[in-house]
Amino acid sequence: MVRVLSESEAERFVVNLLKAHGQMTTKDIESNAREEGKRCPDETVLFLTKLRSRGTIKGEISQEKRGWVWRLED
């Protein structure tokens, strides 16, 4: 069963993933969450965009990866 994370839990989950794996696509983050039976409180890309707006993570469109690529501050 999939567990919907609270905003703070999802933020910690995403930050920890990016710390462990470095740059990740939206699909990579969704896959990791699904493997652990977790889900962001909103659609994943919307939640990641919120984190980007707050300055928690960085994100940019990648033509090569055909979507958003997310990372922590340099």
N, C-alpha and C. Protein backbone atom coordinates (compact mmCIF):
# COMPACT_ATOMS: atom_id res chain seq x y z
N MET A 1 0.84 -1.19 0.00
CA MET A 1 0.00 0.00 0.00
C MET A 1 0.89 1.25 0.00
N VAL A 2 0.50 2.23 -0.76
CA VAL A 2 1.28 3.46 -0.88
C VAL A 2 0.88 4.43 0.23
N ARG A 3 1.88 4.99 0.86
CA ARG A 3 1.65 5.96 1.94
C ARG A 3 1.93 7.36 1.42
N VAL A 4 0.95 8.25 1.55
CA VAL A 4 1.12 9.64 1.15
C VAL A 4 1.85 10.36 2.28
N LEU A 5 3.00 10.93 1.95
CA LEU A 5 3.83 11.61 2.94
C LEU A 5 3.29 13.00 3.24
N SER A 6 3.54 13.48 4.44
CA SER A 6 3.24 14.88 4.76
C SER A 6 4.27 15.73 4.00
N GLU A 7 4.03 17.03 3.92
CA GLU A 7 4.98 17.90 3.21
C GLU A 7 6.38 17.81 3.81
N SER A 8 6.48 17.83 5.13
CA SER A 8 7.80 17.81 5.76
C SER A 8 8.48 16.46 5.55
N GLU A 9 7.72 15.37 5.61
CA GLU A 9 8.30 14.04 5.35
C GLU A 9 8.78 13.93 3.90
N ALA A 10 7.97 14.43 2.97
CA ALA A 10 8.33 14.38 1.55
C ALA A 10 9.56 15.23 1.27
N GLU A 11 9.64 16.39 1.91
CA GLU A 11 10.81 17.26 1.73
C GLU A 11 12.08 16.54 2.20
N ARG A 12 12.02 15.93 3.38
CA ARG A 12 13.18 15.17 3.89
C ARG A 12 13.54 14.03 2.96
N PHE A 13 12.52 13.32 2.47
CA PHE A 13 12.74 12.20 1.56
C PHE A 13 13.47 12.65 0.30
N VAL A 14 13.00 13.73 -0.32
CA VAL A 14 13.61 14.24 -1.55
C VAL A 14 15.03 14.73 -1.30
N VAL A 15 15.23 15.49 -0.25
CA VAL A 15 16.57 16.01 0.06
C VAL A 15 17.54 14.85 0.32
N ASN A 16 17.10 13.85 1.07
CA ASN A 16 17.97 12.69 1.33
C ASN A 16 18.29 11.92 0.06
N LEU A 17 17.30 11.78 -0.83
CA LEU A 17 17.56 11.11 -2.12
C LEU A 17 18.62 11.87 -2.92
N LEU A 18 18.46 13.19 -2.99
CA LEU A 18 19.41 14.00 -3.77
C LEU A 18 20.80 14.00 -3.14
N LYS A 19 20.87 13.95 -1.81
CA LYS A 19 22.16 13.84 -1.14
C LYS A 19 22.84 12.52 -1.50
N ALA A 20 22.06 11.45 -1.53
CA ALA A 20 22.59 10.11 -1.78
C ALA A 20 22.94 9.88 -3.25
N HIS A 21 22.11 10.42 -4.16
CA HIS A 21 22.26 10.09 -5.58
C HIS A 21 22.74 11.24 -6.45
N GLY A 22 22.78 12.45 -5.91
CA GLY A 22 23.13 13.60 -6.75
C GLY A 22 21.94 13.98 -7.61
N GLN A 23 22.22 14.48 -8.79
CA GLN A 23 21.18 14.93 -9.71
C GLN A 23 20.23 13.79 -10.07
N MET A 24 18.92 14.09 -10.06
CA MET A 24 17.91 13.07 -10.40
C MET A 24 16.79 13.69 -11.21
N THR A 25 16.19 12.89 -12.09
CA THR A 25 15.02 13.35 -12.83
C THR A 25 13.77 13.14 -11.97
N THR A 26 12.69 13.75 -12.40
CA THR A 26 11.41 13.55 -11.73
C THR A 26 11.05 12.06 -11.72
N LYS A 27 11.26 11.39 -12.85
CA LYS A 27 10.97 9.95 -12.95
C LYS A 27 11.80 9.14 -11.96
N ASP A 28 13.08 9.51 -11.80
CA ASP A 28 13.96 8.81 -10.84
C ASP A 28 13.41 8.95 -9.42
N ILE A 29 12.99 10.15 -9.06
CA ILE A 29 12.46 10.40 -7.72
C ILE A 29 11.16 9.64 -7.52
N GLU A 30 10.28 9.67 -8.52
CA GLU A 30 9.02 8.92 -8.43
C GLU A 30 9.28 7.42 -8.27
N SER A 31 10.23 6.89 -9.03
CA SER A 31 10.58 5.47 -8.95
C SER A 31 11.06 5.07 -7.57
N ASN A 32 11.96 5.89 -7.01
CA ASN A 32 12.48 5.60 -5.67
C ASN A 32 11.36 5.63 -4.64
N ALA A 33 10.47 6.61 -4.75
CA ALA A 33 9.36 6.71 -3.81
C ALA A 33 8.44 5.49 -3.94
N ARG A 34 8.14 5.11 -5.17
CA ARG A 34 7.26 3.96 -5.41
C ARG A 34 7.87 2.68 -4.83
N GLU A 35 9.19 2.50 -5.03
CA GLU A 35 9.89 1.32 -4.50
C GLU A 35 9.77 1.24 -2.98
N GLU A 36 9.72 2.41 -2.33
CA GLU A 36 9.62 2.45 -0.87
C GLU A 36 8.18 2.55 -0.39
N GLY A 37 7.22 2.52 -1.33
CA GLY A 37 5.81 2.59 -0.96
C GLY A 37 5.39 3.97 -0.48
N LYS A 38 6.02 5.00 -1.04
CA LYS A 38 5.74 6.38 -0.62
C LYS A 38 5.28 7.20 -1.81
N ARG A 39 4.59 8.31 -1.49
CA ARG A 39 4.13 9.23 -2.52
C ARG A 39 4.15 10.65 -1.97
N CYS A 40 4.50 11.61 -2.82
CA CYS A 40 4.47 13.02 -2.43
C CYS A 40 3.03 13.46 -2.20
N PRO A 41 2.83 14.52 -1.39
CA PRO A 41 1.47 14.97 -1.10
C PRO A 41 0.74 15.50 -2.33
N ASP A 42 1.46 16.04 -3.32
CA ASP A 42 0.88 16.52 -4.58
C ASP A 42 1.46 15.64 -5.69
N GLU A 43 1.13 15.97 -6.92
CA GLU A 43 1.85 15.35 -8.03
C GLU A 43 3.33 15.64 -7.80
N THR A 44 4.18 14.70 -8.11
CA THR A 44 5.60 14.83 -7.79
C THR A 44 6.21 16.10 -8.37
N VAL A 45 5.96 16.37 -9.64
CA VAL A 45 6.57 17.55 -10.27
C VAL A 45 6.07 18.84 -9.61
N LEU A 46 4.82 18.88 -9.18
CA LEU A 46 4.30 20.07 -8.49
C LEU A 46 4.98 20.25 -7.14
N PHE A 47 5.15 19.15 -6.43
CA PHE A 47 5.81 19.22 -5.12
C PHE A 47 7.26 19.65 -5.28
N LEU A 48 7.96 19.09 -6.27
CA LEU A 48 9.36 19.46 -6.50
C LEU A 48 9.47 20.93 -6.90
N THR A 49 8.50 21.41 -7.66
CA THR A 49 8.48 22.83 -8.06
C THR A 49 8.30 23.72 -6.83
N LYS A 50 7.47 23.29 -5.88
CA LYS A 50 7.31 24.04 -4.62
C LYS A 50 8.65 24.12 -3.88
N LEU A 51 9.35 22.98 -3.81
CA LEU A 51 10.65 22.98 -3.13
C LEU A 51 11.64 23.90 -3.85
N ARG A 52 11.57 23.93 -5.17
CA ARG A 52 12.45 24.81 -5.95
C ARG A 52 12.11 26.27 -5.67
N SER A 53 10.82 26.59 -5.60
CA SER A 53 10.38 27.96 -5.32
C SER A 53 10.85 28.44 -3.95
N ARG A 54 10.90 27.51 -2.99
CA ARG A 54 11.37 27.85 -1.63
C ARG A 54 12.89 27.91 -1.54
N GLY A 55 13.58 27.44 -2.58
CA GLY A 55 15.04 27.45 -2.56
C GLY A 55 15.65 26.22 -1.91
N THR A 56 14.82 25.22 -1.63
CA THR A 56 15.30 23.99 -0.99
C THR A 56 16.13 23.16 -1.96
N ILE A 57 15.67 23.09 -3.21
CA ILE A 57 16.39 22.35 -4.25
C ILE A 57 16.47 23.22 -5.51
N LYS A 58 17.31 22.81 -6.43
CA LYS A 58 17.43 23.47 -7.72
C LYS A 58 16.83 22.55 -8.77
N GLY A 59 16.26 23.13 -9.82
CA GLY A 59 15.70 22.33 -10.89
C GLY A 59 15.81 23.04 -12.21
N GLU A 60 16.01 22.26 -13.25
CA GLU A 60 16.07 22.84 -14.59
C GLU A 60 15.60 21.79 -15.61
N ILE A 61 15.13 22.29 -16.73
CA ILE A 61 14.69 21.42 -17.82
C ILE A 61 15.93 20.90 -18.55
N SER A 62 15.94 19.61 -18.82
CA SER A 62 17.03 19.00 -19.56
C SER A 62 16.50 18.42 -20.86
N GLN A 63 17.00 18.92 -21.98
CA GLN A 63 16.62 18.36 -23.28
C GLN A 63 17.11 16.92 -23.39
N GLU A 64 18.32 16.70 -22.89
CA GLU A 64 18.93 15.37 -22.96
C GLU A 64 18.10 14.33 -22.20
N LYS A 65 17.65 14.69 -20.99
CA LYS A 65 16.89 13.76 -20.15
C LYS A 65 15.38 13.84 -20.42
N ARG A 66 15.00 14.80 -21.25
CA ARG A 66 13.60 15.00 -21.65
C ARG A 66 12.69 15.27 -20.46
N GLY A 67 13.10 16.17 -19.60
CA GLY A 67 12.27 16.54 -18.45
C GLY A 67 13.09 17.32 -17.43
N TRP A 68 12.51 17.46 -16.26
CA TRP A 68 13.16 18.20 -15.18
C TRP A 68 14.26 17.36 -14.55
N VAL A 69 15.36 18.04 -14.21
CA VAL A 69 16.46 17.44 -13.45
C VAL A 69 16.60 18.26 -12.19
N TRP A 70 16.69 17.57 -11.05
CA TRP A 70 16.69 18.20 -9.73
C TRP A 70 18.00 17.94 -9.03
N ARG A 71 18.44 18.91 -8.21
CA ARG A 71 19.69 18.77 -7.46
C ARG A 71 19.64 19.68 -6.24
N LEU A 72 20.59 19.47 -5.35
CA LEU A 72 20.73 20.35 -4.19
C LEU A 72 21.61 21.52 -4.58
N GLU A 73 21.67 22.51 -3.72
CA GLU A 73 22.54 23.67 -3.95
C GLU A 73 23.96 23.20 -4.22
N ASP A 74 24.66 23.98 -5.01
CA ASP A 74 26.09 23.67 -5.27
C ASP A 74 26.93 23.96 -4.07
